[in-house]
């Protein structure tokens, strides 16, 4: 009986350590990409609120979005947040398309919203505090 309780407690400690490792890995990965995500959200806000200013500086915004996309793709993260990164990259692509094409802008902004919602679901799936993002 003494050995069984020792085995059970060892398994419990192992599971706690494994859970902490998982949570820390996801948290560290999110911290690596949080600046890219924040900048993307700022640009999205500018596109929605300051439409005239963005249209005047369209090429600058496109360059910023492409550099954010490249930086996000080059960030070394674990496989745990690959889906999140893919959705963010697709969101950035849609933002670039919305800047390049004036007629289909609402369609591409709808895609941005769709991919951002998928990012939120992915974060919820990973059980992360939303304030981190």
Protein backbone atom coordinates (compact mmCIF):
# COMPACT_ATOMS: atom_id res chain seq x y z
CA UNK A 1 0.00 0.00 0.00
CA UNK A 2 2.88 2.33 0.81
CA UNK A 3 4.36 1.85 -2.66
CA UNK A 4 1.05 2.39 -4.42
CA UNK A 5 0.58 5.78 -2.78
CA UNK A 6 4.16 6.68 -3.67
CA UNK A 7 3.51 5.70 -7.31
CA UNK A 8 0.26 7.69 -7.46
CA UNK A 9 1.87 10.78 -5.96
CA UNK A 10 4.79 10.49 -8.42
CA UNK A 11 2.38 10.28 -11.34
CA UNK A 12 0.48 13.29 -9.98
CA UNK A 13 3.66 15.35 -9.69
CA UNK A 14 4.66 14.32 -13.22
CA UNK A 15 1.28 15.47 -14.58
CA UNK A 16 1.57 18.81 -12.79
CA UNK A 17 5.06 19.34 -14.21
CA UNK A 18 3.85 18.38 -17.68
CA UNK A 19 0.93 20.83 -17.41
CA UNK A 20 3.25 23.62 -16.30
CA UNK A 21 5.61 22.88 -19.18
CA UNK A 22 2.71 23.08 -21.65
CA UNK A 23 1.38 26.33 -20.23
CA UNK A 24 4.85 27.92 -20.09
CA UNK A 25 5.60 26.92 -23.68
CA UNK A 26 2.39 28.48 -24.96
CA UNK A 27 2.87 31.61 -22.84
CA UNK A 28 6.44 32.11 -24.04
CA UNK A 29 5.40 31.64 -27.65
CA UNK A 30 2.61 34.18 -27.29
CA UNK A 31 5.03 36.67 -25.72
CA UNK A 32 7.33 36.28 -28.72
CA UNK A 33 4.59 37.27 -31.16
CA UNK A 34 2.55 39.71 -29.08
CA UNK A 35 4.24 42.79 -30.59
CA UNK A 36 3.36 41.64 -34.11
CA UNK A 37 -0.23 41.00 -33.08
CA UNK A 38 -0.53 44.37 -31.35
CA UNK A 39 0.87 46.23 -34.36
CA UNK A 40 -1.51 44.37 -36.68
CA UNK A 41 -4.44 45.36 -34.49
CA UNK A 42 -3.31 49.00 -34.51
CA UNK A 43 -3.16 48.98 -38.31
CA UNK A 44 -6.60 47.39 -38.49
CA UNK A 45 -7.95 50.11 -36.23
CA UNK A 46 -6.36 52.77 -38.44
CA UNK A 47 -7.88 51.21 -41.56
CA UNK A 48 -11.33 51.31 -40.00
CA UNK A 49 -11.17 54.68 -38.21
CA UNK A 50 -8.74 56.76 -40.30
CA UNK A 51 -9.63 55.60 -43.78
CA UNK A 52 -8.61 58.80 -45.59
CA UNK A 53 -5.19 58.94 -43.89
CA UNK A 54 -4.55 55.27 -44.63
CA UNK A 55 -5.43 55.72 -48.30
CA UNK A 56 -2.95 58.60 -48.56
CA UNK A 57 -0.20 56.43 -47.02
CA UNK A 58 -1.29 53.12 -48.52
CA UNK A 59 2.20 51.97 -49.58
CA UNK A 60 3.62 52.60 -46.10
CA UNK A 61 0.86 50.52 -44.52
CA UNK A 62 1.38 47.72 -47.04
CA UNK A 63 5.12 47.70 -46.28
CA UNK A 64 4.42 47.60 -42.54
CA UNK A 65 1.98 44.73 -42.94
CA UNK A 66 4.40 42.77 -45.13
CA UNK A 67 7.21 43.24 -42.62
CA UNK A 68 4.86 42.14 -39.81
CA UNK A 69 3.92 39.06 -41.81
CA UNK A 70 7.56 38.24 -42.45
CA UNK A 71 8.49 38.77 -38.81
CA UNK A 72 5.60 36.62 -37.64
CA UNK A 73 6.59 33.83 -40.02
CA UNK A 74 10.24 34.02 -38.95
CA UNK A 75 9.49 33.93 -35.23
CA UNK A 76 10.63 30.64 -33.75
CA UNK A 77 7.71 29.11 -31.85
CA UNK A 78 6.55 25.64 -30.91
CA UNK A 79 3.98 23.64 -32.83
CA UNK A 80 1.37 24.50 -30.20
CA UNK A 81 0.50 27.88 -31.71
CA UNK A 82 1.00 27.09 -35.41
CA UNK A 83 -2.73 27.40 -36.12
CA UNK A 84 -2.84 30.76 -34.36
CA UNK A 85 0.09 32.05 -36.41
CA UNK A 86 -1.44 30.78 -39.64
CA UNK A 87 -4.71 32.56 -38.91
CA UNK A 88 -2.84 35.78 -38.10
CA UNK A 89 -0.87 35.56 -41.34
CA UNK A 90 -4.10 35.06 -43.30
CA UNK A 91 -5.57 38.04 -41.48
CA UNK A 92 -2.58 40.17 -42.48
CA UNK A 93 -2.92 38.98 -46.09
CA UNK A 94 -6.55 40.06 -46.08
CA UNK A 95 -5.57 43.47 -44.69
CA UNK A 96 -3.06 43.91 -47.50
CA UNK A 97 -5.70 42.93 -50.07
CA UNK A 98 -8.15 45.41 -48.54
CA UNK A 99 -5.58 48.17 -49.01
CA UNK A 100 -4.71 47.19 -52.57
CA UNK A 101 -8.26 46.79 -53.85
CA UNK A 102 -10.70 49.55 -53.04
CA UNK A 103 -13.81 47.87 -54.47
CA UNK A 104 -13.61 44.61 -52.50
CA UNK A 105 -12.49 46.25 -49.28
CA UNK A 106 -15.51 45.19 -47.22
CA UNK A 107 -15.11 41.58 -48.31
CA UNK A 108 -11.48 41.50 -47.21
CA UNK A 109 -12.25 43.24 -43.93
CA UNK A 110 -14.88 40.53 -43.37
CA UNK A 111 -12.14 37.95 -43.90
CA UNK A 112 -9.95 39.76 -41.38
CA UNK A 113 -12.78 39.57 -38.86
CA UNK A 114 -13.27 35.87 -39.61
CA UNK A 115 -9.58 35.06 -39.10
CA UNK A 116 -9.42 37.15 -35.93
CA UNK A 117 -12.36 35.19 -34.53
CA UNK A 118 -10.57 31.96 -35.42
CA UNK A 119 -7.51 33.30 -33.56
CA UNK A 120 -9.68 33.95 -30.53
CA UNK A 121 -11.06 30.42 -30.67
CA UNK A 122 -7.54 29.05 -30.96
CA UNK A 123 -6.50 30.97 -27.85
CA UNK A 124 -9.54 29.67 -26.00
CA UNK A 125 -8.61 26.17 -27.11
CA UNK A 126 -5.13 26.62 -25.72
CA UNK A 127 -6.58 27.87 -22.40
CA UNK A 128 -4.68 31.11 -22.25
CA UNK A 129 -5.53 34.29 -20.47
CA UNK A 130 -6.85 36.67 -23.16
CA UNK A 131 -5.17 39.64 -21.49
CA UNK A 132 -1.82 38.24 -22.61
CA UNK A 133 -2.64 38.91 -26.24
